[in-house]
Protein backbone atom coordinates (compact mmCIF):
# COMPACT_ATOMS: atom_id res chain seq x y z
CA MET A 1 167.40 67.15 42.43
CA GLU A 2 164.57 69.25 40.99
CA ARG A 3 167.07 71.73 39.61
CA LYS A 4 168.95 68.97 37.77
CA GLU A 5 165.72 67.57 36.31
CA LYS A 6 164.66 71.00 35.09
CA SER A 7 168.07 71.59 33.62
CA LEU A 8 167.90 68.22 31.83
CA GLU A 9 164.45 69.00 30.48
CA GLU A 10 165.61 72.37 29.17
CA MET A 11 168.63 70.71 27.54
CA LYS A 12 166.32 68.24 25.75
CA GLN A 13 164.26 71.13 24.43
CA ILE A 14 167.37 72.98 23.30
CA LEU A 15 168.54 69.84 21.42
CA ALA A 16 165.10 69.66 19.72
CA ASP A 17 165.20 73.31 18.67
CA LYS A 18 162.19 74.17 16.47
CA THR A 19 163.39 77.69 15.61
CA GLY A 20 162.53 78.57 12.03
CA GLN A 21 160.50 75.37 11.60
CA GLU A 22 156.78 74.84 10.96
CA VAL A 23 154.77 73.17 13.73
CA ALA A 24 151.17 71.94 13.32
CA LEU A 25 148.78 72.76 16.20
CA PRO A 26 145.10 71.97 16.81
CA ASP A 27 142.47 74.68 17.33
CA PHE A 28 142.76 74.36 21.12
CA LEU A 29 145.32 72.79 23.46
CA THR A 30 146.71 73.18 26.98
CA VAL A 31 149.76 75.31 27.73
CA LYS A 32 151.65 72.11 28.62
CA GLU A 33 150.83 70.55 25.23
CA PHE A 34 151.80 73.80 23.52
CA SER A 35 155.18 73.79 25.31
CA GLU A 36 155.82 70.19 24.29
CA LYS A 37 154.88 70.71 20.64
CA ILE A 38 157.13 73.74 20.06
CA TRP A 39 159.89 72.47 22.41
CA ILE A 40 160.08 75.67 24.43
CA PRO A 41 160.39 75.46 28.27
CA PHE A 42 157.17 76.15 30.12
CA SER A 43 158.85 78.92 32.15
CA LYS A 44 159.68 80.88 28.97
CA ILE A 45 156.16 80.49 27.62
CA MET A 46 154.70 81.65 30.95
CA SER A 47 156.95 84.71 30.79
CA GLU A 48 155.48 85.64 27.39
CA PHE A 49 151.94 85.11 28.67
CA LEU A 50 152.62 87.49 31.57
CA LYS A 51 154.08 90.11 29.20
CA ASN A 52 150.78 89.98 27.29
CA GLY A 53 148.76 90.33 30.50
CA MET A 54 147.58 86.71 30.63
CA MET A 55 147.66 84.40 33.64
CA ALA A 56 148.02 80.72 32.72
CA THR A 57 148.84 77.36 34.29
CA LEU A 58 149.98 74.07 32.76
CA ASN A 59 146.37 72.98 32.19
CA THR A 60 145.01 76.29 30.87
CA ARG A 61 143.43 75.82 27.41
CA VAL A 62 144.57 78.34 24.79
CA ASP A 63 143.38 78.81 21.21
CA PHE A 64 145.42 78.66 18.00
CA ASP A 65 145.51 82.48 17.58
CA THR A 66 147.13 82.90 21.03
CA CYS A 67 149.68 80.17 20.22
CA PHE A 68 150.41 81.89 16.92
CA ILE A 69 151.28 85.17 18.69
CA ILE A 70 153.48 83.49 21.35
CA SER A 71 155.28 81.33 18.76
CA GLU A 72 156.28 84.45 16.81
CA VAL A 73 158.44 85.51 19.76
CA PHE A 74 160.47 82.29 19.46
CA ASN A 75 160.68 82.48 15.64
CA ILE A 76 158.55 79.37 15.23
CA LYS A 77 155.85 79.24 12.57
CA VAL A 78 152.70 77.40 13.60
CA VAL A 79 150.00 76.14 11.24
CA LYS A 80 146.64 74.49 11.88
CA GLU A 81 146.48 70.72 11.86
CA GLN A 82 144.62 69.24 8.90
CA ASN A 83 141.40 67.62 10.06
CA ASP A 84 138.48 66.21 8.08
CA GLU A 85 136.00 67.18 10.81
CA VAL A 86 134.55 70.67 11.09
CA SER A 87 136.59 72.54 13.69
CA ILE A 88 135.04 74.42 16.62
CA THR A 89 136.96 77.53 15.51
CA SER A 90 135.34 77.41 12.06
CA VAL A 91 131.93 77.14 13.74
CA ILE A 92 132.61 80.04 16.10
CA ASP A 93 134.10 82.25 13.37
CA TRP A 94 131.32 81.24 10.95
CA ASN A 95 133.87 80.08 8.37
CA LEU A 96 131.59 78.37 5.85
CA THR A 97 134.39 77.93 3.30
CA ASP A 98 136.36 75.80 5.75
CA MET A 99 133.29 73.82 6.77
CA LEU A 100 132.32 72.94 3.20
CA LYS A 101 135.82 72.12 1.92
CA ASN A 102 135.27 68.34 2.12
CA ASP A 103 132.54 68.15 -0.53
CA ASP A 104 133.23 65.28 -2.95
CA ALA A 105 133.37 66.87 -6.43
CA THR A 106 132.40 63.59 -8.10
CA LYS A 107 129.12 63.42 -6.15
CA GLN A 108 128.08 67.06 -6.50
CA VAL A 109 124.73 67.92 -8.08
CA THR A 110 123.20 71.23 -9.11
CA ARG A 111 121.56 73.04 -6.20
CA ALA A 112 119.08 75.91 -5.95
CA PRO A 113 120.53 79.45 -5.83
CA ILE A 114 120.21 81.32 -2.54
CA ILE A 115 119.03 84.88 -3.16
CA SER A 116 119.31 87.71 -0.63
CA ILE A 117 117.00 90.71 -1.13
CA MET A 118 118.54 93.83 0.41
CA GLY A 119 117.98 97.57 0.30
CA HIS A 120 116.69 100.61 2.15
CA VAL A 121 113.69 100.55 4.52
CA ASP A 122 110.33 100.64 2.69
CA HIS A 123 111.82 100.47 -0.82
CA GLY A 124 109.64 97.41 -1.50
CA LYS A 125 111.82 94.38 -0.77
CA THR A 126 109.09 92.35 0.92
CA SER A 127 106.43 93.48 -1.56
CA ILE A 128 108.50 92.07 -4.44
CA LEU A 129 108.95 88.81 -2.55
CA ASP A 130 105.24 88.91 -1.70
CA TYR A 131 104.29 88.86 -5.36
CA ILE A 132 106.82 86.16 -6.16
CA ARG A 133 105.37 83.92 -3.43
CA LYS A 134 101.75 84.91 -4.22
CA THR A 135 101.06 85.59 -0.51
CA SER A 136 100.47 88.66 1.63
CA VAL A 137 103.36 88.73 4.08
CA ALA A 138 103.99 92.45 3.57
CA SER A 139 100.60 93.39 5.00
CA TRP A 140 101.46 91.66 8.30
CA GLU A 141 104.55 93.73 8.96
CA ALA A 142 104.58 96.68 11.34
CA TRP A 143 105.14 100.06 9.69
CA GLY A 144 106.24 98.35 6.47
CA ILE A 145 109.48 97.11 8.04
CA THR A 146 110.43 93.41 8.06
CA GLN A 147 110.24 92.25 11.67
CA LYS A 148 111.06 88.52 11.28
CA ILE A 149 113.87 86.83 9.47
CA TRP A 150 112.67 84.14 7.13
CA ALA A 151 113.70 82.07 4.13
CA TYR A 152 111.33 81.00 1.37
CA GLN A 153 111.55 78.72 -1.67
CA VAL A 154 109.75 79.12 -5.01
CA VAL A 155 109.73 77.20 -8.28
CA ARG A 156 110.29 78.89 -11.64
CA ASP A 157 110.58 76.94 -14.90
CA TRP A 158 110.81 73.72 -12.81
CA LYS A 159 113.83 75.13 -10.97
CA LYS A 160 113.88 76.00 -7.27
CA ILE A 161 115.03 79.41 -5.97
CA THR A 162 115.59 80.15 -2.26
CA PHE A 163 114.93 83.73 -1.13
CA LEU A 164 116.10 85.46 2.05
CA ASP A 165 114.14 88.57 3.03
CA THR A 166 116.56 90.82 4.92
CA PRO A 167 115.37 93.08 7.78
CA TRP A 168 116.91 96.53 7.80
CA HIS A 169 117.05 97.62 11.42
CA GLU A 170 120.52 98.76 12.48
CA ALA A 171 120.49 95.95 15.06
CA PHE A 172 120.53 93.43 12.19
CA SER A 173 123.72 94.77 10.59
CA ILE A 174 125.87 91.79 11.56
CA MET A 175 123.21 89.47 10.14
CA ARG A 176 123.14 91.36 6.84
CA ALA A 177 126.91 91.03 6.55
CA ARG A 178 126.69 87.26 7.08
CA TRP A 179 123.56 87.08 4.90
CA ALA A 180 125.58 88.42 1.97
CA LYS A 181 128.26 85.76 2.56
CA LEU A 182 125.60 83.05 2.77
CA THR A 183 123.96 83.92 -0.56
CA ASP A 184 124.80 83.27 -4.20
CA ILE A 185 123.17 86.39 -5.66
CA ALA A 186 122.26 89.68 -3.97
CA ILE A 187 119.25 91.60 -5.25
CA ILE A 188 119.58 95.27 -4.34
CA VAL A 189 116.18 96.98 -4.34
CA VAL A 190 116.18 100.73 -5.08
CA ALA A 191 113.00 102.83 -5.16
CA ALA A 192 112.87 104.73 -8.47
CA ASP A 193 111.21 107.74 -6.81
CA GLU A 194 113.50 107.92 -3.75
CA TRP A 195 116.76 106.73 -5.36
CA MET A 196 119.76 105.38 -3.46
CA LYS A 197 120.04 105.84 0.31
CA PRO A 198 122.90 105.16 2.78
CA GLN A 199 121.52 101.69 3.54
CA THR A 200 121.44 100.93 -0.21
CA ILE A 201 125.15 101.68 -0.44
CA GLU A 202 125.80 99.57 2.67
CA SER A 203 123.96 96.66 0.98
CA ILE A 204 126.13 97.05 -2.13
CA ASN A 205 129.29 97.08 -0.02
CA HIS A 206 128.21 93.95 1.88
CA ALA A 207 127.73 92.18 -1.45
CA LYS A 208 131.07 93.40 -2.81
CA GLU A 209 132.87 92.32 0.36
CA ALA A 210 131.37 88.84 0.02
CA TRP A 211 132.17 88.71 -3.74
CA VAL A 212 128.51 88.07 -4.50
CA PRO A 213 127.03 88.92 -7.95
CA VAL A 214 124.55 91.80 -7.79
CA ILE A 215 121.24 92.25 -9.62
CA VAL A 216 119.59 95.65 -9.13
CA ALA A 217 115.79 95.80 -9.02
CA VAL A 218 114.62 99.40 -9.53
CA ASN A 219 111.20 99.27 -7.85
CA LYS A 220 108.16 101.60 -7.91
CA MET A 221 108.46 102.28 -11.64
CA ASP A 222 104.71 102.97 -11.66
CA LYS A 223 105.27 106.18 -9.62
CA VAL A 224 105.10 109.61 -11.32
CA TRP A 225 108.55 110.64 -10.05
CA ALA A 226 110.30 107.42 -11.08
CA ASN A 227 113.67 108.19 -12.71
CA LEU A 228 115.48 105.06 -13.94
CA ASP A 229 118.40 106.90 -15.58
CA PHE A 230 119.17 108.82 -12.39
CA VAL A 231 119.33 105.56 -10.43
CA LYS A 232 121.64 104.05 -13.07
CA GLY A 233 123.93 107.07 -12.70
CA GLN A 234 124.04 106.55 -8.92
CA LEU A 235 124.84 102.85 -9.44
CA ALA A 236 127.70 103.77 -11.77
CA GLU A 237 129.16 105.91 -8.96
CA GLN A 238 129.30 102.72 -6.86
CA TRP A 239 131.05 100.83 -9.70
CA LEU A 240 127.89 98.96 -10.65
CA GLN A 241 127.77 99.81 -14.34
CA PRO A 242 124.45 98.79 -16.01
CA GLU A 243 124.48 96.29 -18.88
CA ASP A 244 122.86 98.71 -21.32
CA TRP A 245 125.75 101.11 -20.61
CA GLY A 246 128.17 98.48 -21.88
CA TRP A 247 129.09 96.86 -18.56
CA ASN A 248 127.94 93.80 -16.57
CA THR A 249 125.47 94.79 -13.82
CA VAL A 250 121.95 93.53 -14.46
CA VAL A 251 119.41 96.33 -13.79
CA VAL A 252 115.73 95.36 -13.95
CA PRO A 253 112.95 98.00 -13.72
CA VAL A 254 110.08 96.52 -11.67
CA SER A 255 106.88 97.44 -9.87
CA ALA A 256 105.63 95.29 -7.01
CA HIS A 257 102.29 97.12 -7.34
CA THR A 258 101.62 96.46 -11.06
CA TRP A 259 103.88 93.35 -11.29
CA LEU A 260 105.95 95.03 -14.02
CA GLY A 261 109.29 93.29 -14.64
CA ILE A 262 108.96 90.57 -11.93
CA ASP A 263 109.11 87.74 -14.50
CA THR A 264 112.19 89.32 -16.08
CA LEU A 265 113.80 89.55 -12.62
CA LEU A 266 113.25 85.81 -12.05
CA GLU A 267 114.67 84.99 -15.49
CA MET A 268 117.79 87.04 -14.70
CA ILE A 269 118.20 85.22 -11.37
CA LEU A 270 118.14 81.82 -13.11
CA LEU A 271 120.50 83.04 -15.84
CA VAL A 272 123.09 84.39 -13.37
CA SER A 273 122.85 81.25 -11.20
CA GLU A 274 123.40 79.00 -14.23
CA MET A 275 126.56 80.95 -15.05
CA GLN A 276 127.80 80.31 -11.49
CA GLU A 277 127.33 76.52 -11.80
CA LEU A 278 126.16 76.11 -8.20
CA LYS A 279 126.68 72.58 -6.89
CA ALA A 280 126.73 70.63 -3.61
CA ASP A 281 127.21 67.09 -2.36
CA PRO A 282 123.86 65.76 -1.02
CA THR A 283 125.22 62.37 0.13
CA ARG A 284 126.96 63.46 3.35
CA PRO A 285 125.57 64.53 6.76
CA ALA A 286 124.33 68.11 6.61
CA ILE A 287 125.73 71.44 7.71
CA ALA A 288 123.15 74.22 8.08
CA THR A 289 122.93 77.82 9.27
CA VAL A 290 120.31 78.98 11.78
CA ILE A 291 118.18 81.77 10.29
CA GLU A 292 115.75 82.24 13.18
CA SER A 293 114.98 80.48 16.47
CA HIS A 294 112.46 80.81 19.29
CA LEU A 295 110.82 78.93 22.16
CA ASP A 296 107.37 77.55 21.36
CA SER A 297 104.99 76.98 24.28
CA ARG A 298 103.96 73.55 22.95
CA LEU A 299 106.90 72.30 20.90
CA GLY A 300 109.83 73.76 22.86
CA PRO A 301 112.93 75.15 21.12
CA LEU A 302 112.39 75.61 17.36
CA ALA A 303 114.80 76.86 14.70
CA THR A 304 114.57 77.72 11.02
CA VAL A 305 117.77 76.61 9.29
CA LEU A 306 119.12 76.86 5.77
CA VAL A 307 120.94 73.71 4.63
CA ASN A 308 124.33 74.79 3.26
CA SER A 309 125.47 71.42 1.98
CA TRP A 310 124.62 67.73 2.09
CA THR A 311 121.22 66.47 3.34
CA LEU A 312 119.39 67.00 6.65
CA ARG A 313 117.04 64.14 7.58
CA LYS A 314 114.36 63.40 10.14
CA TRP A 315 115.79 61.57 13.22
CA ASP A 316 119.31 62.89 12.56
CA CYS A 317 121.39 63.55 15.70
CA VAL A 318 122.59 67.15 15.58
CA VAL A 319 124.67 69.69 17.49
CA CYS A 320 124.12 73.42 17.19
CA ALA A 321 126.37 75.64 19.34
CA ALA A 322 125.87 74.37 22.93
CA SER A 323 122.62 72.59 22.07
CA ALA A 324 122.23 68.94 21.06
CA GLY A 325 119.30 66.69 20.17
CA ARG A 326 117.58 64.36 17.71
CA LEU A 327 115.35 65.90 15.02
CA LYS A 328 111.81 64.59 15.45
CA PHE A 329 110.22 66.62 12.69
CA LEU A 330 111.18 68.75 9.69
CA LYS A 331 108.77 71.26 8.12
CA ASP A 332 109.18 73.34 4.97
CA TYR A 333 108.33 77.04 4.85
CA LYS A 334 104.67 76.16 4.12
CA TRP A 335 104.61 74.20 7.42
CA LYS A 336 104.34 70.85 5.62
CA ASN A 337 106.08 67.80 7.13
CA ILE A 338 109.05 66.55 5.12
CA ASP A 339 111.50 63.68 5.70
CA GLU A 340 114.65 65.36 4.39
CA ALA A 341 116.01 68.68 3.15
CA GLY A 342 118.76 69.00 0.57
CA PRO A 343 121.24 71.82 -0.11
CA SER A 344 119.81 75.40 -0.26
CA THR A 345 116.55 74.30 1.42
CA PRO A 346 115.05 76.29 4.32
CA VAL A 347 113.47 74.04 6.97
CA LEU A 348 111.95 74.27 10.46
CA ILE A 349 113.40 71.82 13.01
CA SER A 350 112.55 70.86 16.60
CA TRP A 351 113.83 68.97 19.63
CA LEU A 352 117.06 70.80 20.28
CA SER A 353 117.98 70.87 23.97
CA LYS A 354 117.85 74.70 24.14
CA VAL A 355 117.11 77.80 22.04
CA VAL A 356 120.04 78.65 19.76
CA GLU A 357 121.03 82.00 18.27
CA GLY A 358 120.69 83.28 14.72
CA TRP A 359 123.70 82.30 12.56
CA ASP A 360 124.76 79.41 14.78
CA ILE A 361 125.98 76.43 12.74
CA LEU A 362 124.12 73.10 12.90
CA GLN A 363 126.02 69.84 12.22
CA VAL A 364 124.82 66.25 11.94
CA THR A 365 126.71 63.77 14.16
CA PRO A 366 126.89 59.92 14.15
CA ASP A 367 125.04 59.57 17.48
CA ILE A 368 123.54 61.59 20.34
CA GLU A 369 126.58 61.08 22.60
CA THR A 370 128.86 62.67 20.00
CA ALA A 371 126.41 65.56 19.66
CA LYS A 372 126.38 66.15 23.44
CA ASN A 373 130.19 66.00 23.62
CA LYS A 374 130.52 68.54 20.81
CA ALA A 375 127.96 70.82 22.51
CA HIS A 376 129.95 70.62 25.75
CA GLU A 377 133.21 71.35 23.91
CA PHE A 378 131.61 74.37 22.21
CA GLU A 379 130.47 75.71 25.59
CA LEU A 380 133.99 75.38 27.02
CA VAL A 381 135.54 77.10 24.01
CA ARG A 382 132.96 79.89 24.02
CA SER A 383 133.71 80.62 27.68
CA SER A 384 137.39 81.20 26.82
CA LYS A 385 136.90 82.90 23.45
CA SER A 386 134.68 85.96 23.06
CA LEU A 387 132.18 85.53 20.24
CA ASN A 388 131.02 89.12 20.14
CA HIS A 389 134.29 90.97 20.65
CA PHE A 390 135.51 90.49 17.08
CA GLU A 391 138.87 89.19 18.30
CA TRP A 392 139.78 88.16 14.76
CA ALA A 393 139.64 91.89 13.83
CA SER A 394 142.18 92.91 16.48
CA LEU A 395 145.24 94.91 15.44
CA GLU A 396 147.54 92.25 16.88
CA LEU A 397 146.12 89.49 14.69
CA LEU A 398 146.02 91.76 11.62
CA LEU A 399 149.70 92.60 12.11
CA ASN A 400 150.62 88.94 12.49
CA ARG A 401 148.83 88.16 9.24
CA ILE A 402 150.66 91.02 7.52
CA LYS A 403 154.06 89.86 8.83
CA THR A 404 153.46 86.30 7.64
CA TRP A 405 152.21 87.50 4.22
CA ASN A 406 148.76 86.02 4.87
CA LEU A 407 147.08 89.40 4.38
CA LYS A 408 147.29 91.06 0.97
CA GLN A 409 144.68 93.78 1.49
CA LEU A 410 144.12 95.91 4.60
CA LYS A 411 140.37 96.46 4.70
CA LEU A 412 139.02 99.83 5.85
CA VAL A 413 135.57 101.17 6.79
CA VAL A 414 135.72 104.95 6.36
CA LYS A 415 133.46 107.74 7.69
CA ALA A 416 134.01 111.49 7.22
CA GLU A 417 132.23 114.76 8.04
CA SER A 418 131.55 115.83 4.43
CA ASN A 419 131.70 114.57 0.86
CA TRP A 420 134.77 116.71 0.16
CA SER A 421 136.57 115.33 3.22
CA LEU A 422 135.56 111.79 2.33
CA GLU A 423 136.90 112.00 -1.23
CA ALA A 424 140.17 113.60 -0.05
CA LEU A 425 140.66 110.88 2.57
CA LYS A 426 139.81 108.04 0.18
CA ASP A 427 142.25 109.39 -2.39
CA ALA A 428 145.02 109.62 0.23
CA LEU A 429 144.29 106.13 1.62
CA HIS A 430 144.45 104.54 -1.83
CA LYS A 431 148.05 105.76 -2.05
CA GLN A 432 149.00 103.90 1.14
CA TRP A 433 150.50 100.61 -0.01
CA THR A 434 153.64 98.51 -0.10
CA ALA A 435 154.81 95.73 -2.40
CA GLU A 436 153.20 93.17 -0.05
CA ILE A 437 149.93 94.84 0.99
CA LYS A 438 147.42 97.39 -0.28
CA THR A 439 144.54 99.24 1.36
CA GLN A 440 140.98 98.37 0.35
CA ILE A 441 138.05 100.60 1.34
CA ILE A 442 135.09 98.23 1.70
CA HIS A 443 132.60 100.89 2.84
CA SER A 444 132.63 104.69 3.02
CA TRP A 445 129.99 107.30 3.78
CA VAL A 446 129.41 110.76 5.25
CA GLY A 447 128.31 111.04 8.90
CA ASP A 448 129.12 109.87 12.40
CA ILE A 449 130.32 106.35 13.16
CA ASN A 450 127.31 104.19 14.09
CA ASP A 451 126.75 100.63 15.23
CA SER A 452 126.32 99.45 11.66
CA ASP A 453 129.81 100.72 10.75
CA VAL A 454 131.32 98.99 13.78
CA LEU A 455 129.66 95.68 12.97
CA MET A 456 130.72 95.88 9.32
CA ALA A 457 134.34 96.46 10.39
CA GLY A 458 134.16 93.58 12.87
CA THR A 459 132.60 91.02 10.54
CA SER A 460 134.94 91.98 7.67
CA GLN A 461 138.09 92.10 9.84
CA ALA A 462 138.60 95.73 8.85
CA ILE A 463 139.98 98.85 10.54
CA LEU A 464 137.39 101.53 11.34
CA VAL A 465 138.55 104.98 10.18
CA GLY A 466 136.82 108.24 11.19
CA TYR A 467 137.80 111.70 9.92
CA ASN A 468 136.51 114.52 12.14
CA VAL A 469 133.36 112.62 13.15
CA TRP A 470 131.74 111.52 16.42
CA ILE A 471 131.11 107.96 17.53
CA VAL A 472 127.45 107.54 18.54
CA SER A 473 126.67 106.05 21.95
CA ASN A 474 125.61 102.56 20.77
CA ALA A 475 128.73 102.27 18.65
CA LYS A 476 130.91 103.39 21.57
CA HIS A 477 129.44 100.63 23.73
CA THR A 478 130.14 98.02 21.04
CA LEU A 479 133.70 99.26 20.53
CA VAL A 480 134.49 99.26 24.26
CA ASN A 481 133.65 95.56 24.36
CA SER A 482 135.44 94.66 21.14
CA LYS A 483 138.95 94.28 19.71
CA ILE A 484 138.22 96.35 16.59
CA GLU A 485 140.96 98.85 15.75
CA VAL A 486 139.61 102.41 15.48
CA ILE A 487 141.43 105.41 14.01
CA ASN A 488 139.27 108.49 14.64
CA LYS A 489 141.21 111.71 14.11
CA LYS A 490 140.55 115.37 13.29
CA VAL A 491 143.61 115.74 11.08
CA ILE A 492 144.02 113.68 7.93
CA TYR A 493 147.76 113.16 8.25
CA HIS A 494 147.23 111.47 11.67
CA ILE A 495 145.10 108.85 9.94
CA LEU A 496 147.61 108.34 7.13
CA GLU A 497 150.49 108.15 9.60
CA LYS A 498 148.72 105.41 11.56
CA ILE A 499 147.79 103.40 8.45
CA GLU A 500 151.36 103.66 7.15
CA SER A 501 152.74 102.43 10.46
CA ILE A 502 150.43 99.42 10.32
CA ILE A 503 151.27 98.28 6.79
CA THR A 504 155.00 98.80 7.42
CA TRP A 505 154.86 96.90 10.77
CA MET A 506 156.17 99.97 12.64
CA ILE A 507 153.17 100.49 14.95
CA ASP A 508 153.48 99.93 18.70
CA ILE A 509 150.74 97.42 19.52
CA LYS A 510 151.22 97.81 23.30
CA HIS A 511 150.78 101.60 23.44
CA ASP A 512 148.55 104.19 21.83
CA ASP A 513 148.50 107.98 21.47
CA VAL A 514 145.73 109.92 23.24
CA ASP A 515 145.29 113.46 21.92
CA LEU A 516 145.04 116.30 24.46
CA TRP A 517 144.07 118.78 21.75
CA GLU A 518 145.79 121.88 20.42
CA ALA A 519 147.45 125.24 21.16
CA LYS A 520 148.65 128.05 18.88
CA VAL A 521 152.17 129.56 19.09
CA LYS A 522 151.82 133.33 19.75
CA ALA A 523 155.40 134.32 20.74
CA ILE A 524 158.95 132.98 21.06
CA PHE A 525 160.64 134.22 24.30
CA PHE A 526 163.92 132.32 24.31
CA SER A 527 165.90 130.09 21.97
CA TRP A 528 169.35 128.69 22.67
CA LYS A 529 171.08 125.54 21.41
CA ASP A 530 168.53 122.73 21.80
CA ARG A 531 166.11 124.52 24.15
CA MET A 532 163.23 126.88 23.45
CA VAL A 533 160.66 128.78 25.53
CA ILE A 534 157.51 129.88 23.71
CA GLY A 535 154.17 131.49 24.53
CA CYS A 536 150.95 129.77 23.45
CA GLU A 537 147.20 130.08 23.60
CA ILE A 538 145.18 126.93 24.14
CA LYS A 539 142.50 126.39 21.52
CA GLU A 540 140.49 123.65 23.21
CA TRP A 541 140.53 121.14 26.06
CA ARG A 542 143.73 121.04 28.15
CA VAL A 543 147.52 120.72 28.14
CA GLU A 544 149.32 118.48 30.66
CA ASN A 545 152.89 118.86 31.90
CA ARG A 546 155.34 116.16 30.75
CA SER A 547 153.07 115.28 27.85
CA LYS A 548 154.34 114.99 24.29
CA VAL A 549 153.94 117.55 21.52
CA ARG A 550 153.82 117.64 17.72
CA VAL A 551 154.57 120.82 15.76
CA ILE A 552 152.19 121.31 12.82
CA ARG A 553 152.90 123.81 10.05
CA ASP A 554 150.75 124.14 6.94
CA SER A 555 148.81 121.00 7.96
CA LYS A 556 152.02 118.92 8.06
CA LYS A 557 153.96 117.54 11.02
CA VAL A 558 157.47 119.05 11.16
CA TRP A 559 158.61 117.77 14.57
CA SER A 560 157.58 115.91 17.74
CA GLY A 561 159.10 115.74 21.22
CA ASP A 562 158.61 116.10 25.01
CA ILE A 563 157.56 119.08 27.16
CA ILE A 564 160.16 120.00 29.82
CA SER A 565 158.01 122.44 31.83
CA LEU A 566 154.71 124.30 31.71
CA LYS A 567 154.10 127.81 33.10
CA GLN A 568 151.11 130.09 33.51
CA TRP A 569 152.50 133.58 34.10
CA VAL A 570 155.60 132.79 36.22
CA ILE A 571 154.20 129.78 38.09
CA ASP A 572 155.03 126.17 37.22
CA VAL A 573 151.78 124.25 36.70
CA GLN A 574 150.82 120.66 35.94
CA GLU A 575 148.09 121.45 33.42
CA ILE A 576 146.49 124.36 31.55
CA LEU A 577 142.75 124.35 31.00
CA GLU A 578 142.39 127.61 29.04
CA GLY A 579 144.04 130.92 28.13
CA GLU A 580 147.71 131.80 27.49
CA PHE A 581 150.70 129.92 28.88
CA GLY A 582 154.44 129.33 28.42
CA ILE A 583 156.13 126.09 27.47
CA ALA A 584 159.74 124.87 27.43
CA PHE A 585 160.99 121.87 25.48
CA LYS A 586 163.99 120.41 23.71
CA TRP A 587 163.80 120.99 19.99
CA ASP A 588 165.41 119.75 16.78
CA VAL A 589 163.64 122.18 14.47
CA SER A 590 162.81 125.88 14.63
CA VAL A 591 159.27 126.61 15.89
CA GLU A 592 157.56 129.61 14.30
CA VAL A 593 154.78 131.94 15.39
CA TRP A 594 151.32 130.66 14.34
CA ASP A 595 152.50 127.04 14.31
CA ILE A 596 149.98 124.64 15.83
CA LEU A 597 151.10 122.45 18.73
CA GLU A 598 149.29 119.17 19.18
CA PHE A 599 149.65 117.75 22.68
CA TYR A 600 149.24 114.04 23.34
CA LYS A 601 150.23 111.34 25.78
CA VAL A 602 151.14 107.70 25.31
CA VAL A 603 148.96 105.17 27.16
CA GLN A 604 148.96 101.39 27.35
CA ARG A 605 146.46 99.66 25.10
CA LYS A 606 143.71 97.79 26.90
């Protein structure tokens, strides 16, 4: 009887074939609901889950991205359901654009610009802000480095301006990336006597990636060694052409010590913000971003938030990540009690149920029960979806976006061993494109891959590319626990080959090549039909029997294939660690003395 029922159910699903159609799905649903919506038998869906290494039951909750990948197998296109409420996925992925899409244009009013001050350590970011606020915050900071993350608001010409003072420890890299996306204008501070540093360039790239207008404040102009023209030349190299050179980047010479140019800087901020026509709807319940949070011994969990849109009021019921509560007080940055905070306003709040994390999203709800339900839902979703593994930057999701023409630019973060290598690689990568997709280098620099590079790639959904560089220990740890795609090779054509395979959809997402290093051809002992026996000398590491081999001549790949056998003297061996050895393999091209053999093996991706 069961067999007949199953057969009948499958026949119903066959009759309701959704192949080639578009099906709307929510952010999260059970496997049973997924099966019913796309009209594919549960057994077939389970089979695909198993192929992807996932164990699931009828009641297992899966997210939209997973459904998207499984649906591709059955030639069914899935799209997200339209919903007026802010989705949990948007909150988790920190998708402010999606969260603010429901602003009523007819009710929008002009809001204060949000200004992020970024730059290298000790170039004077906080000192400039110190003068603007007429306080002495800079003197409180250890070693001249910003230790806390804060937002401040000032009034200039009866207009409010919100400032974010950005810390520059490497640990704050992910925050800086989101900070740039949160702001309306980025002020890049460059010391006129020290010029641009790697962190300065990283700041510029964060701003470019977020499409944020840039104003450059060249600080310490009172110093003897100040050189404004040299800094302008460095800015031009980063495609920030100064206005007085006939382009559109505002460059303001300032001195936080003598107060030179600070008034001009404020005037430029207001001018640029007026050109942007910044507006928000203050009539709806607020959405805000957590800037800083901590546990106070007397008041309990506290959080400083920046209101992104609408109005936050005292006694509002709110949910923030897995925390819910009713706001019993609001304080501005001067610690004064206020009853409400409009768009672009930084405010201190209390009475959340637990301490939240920086960059969590706060939402106002109709009542406390709704807030608690949303907090519980967030906790369930977070347990099934990694927040820190950058799953949205995985190769699988990038490829799916390419195949469905939802990705027009493949973003890259590039590191190389020298300036010459970097320029050569960038030039070659810019030539990698198709009619549907182009490569875009969002950040490039000389040196080893560090945690900051990894976090930039993750937050920007980019591929991390390394050319003959090491990955430092902290970055390795982050990468091991993430889904970020890394291409770190010693030969430039390996990088280009991988990028080309990605943009042309030809890459194998289930397997990856692991290099076993190189050997040099020293002699050819035997060649007949499709077989060849050659003598080699290993250059570094080891060679394994039954591994694969590429033949490199004049820095170009001429052939690749499999090793048949490996010999050291006359003895068959499984691996060679050093010295000379013989190798036999099937060949389709003539191998020559002094060719380089690159040995590798194919492993399953984790």
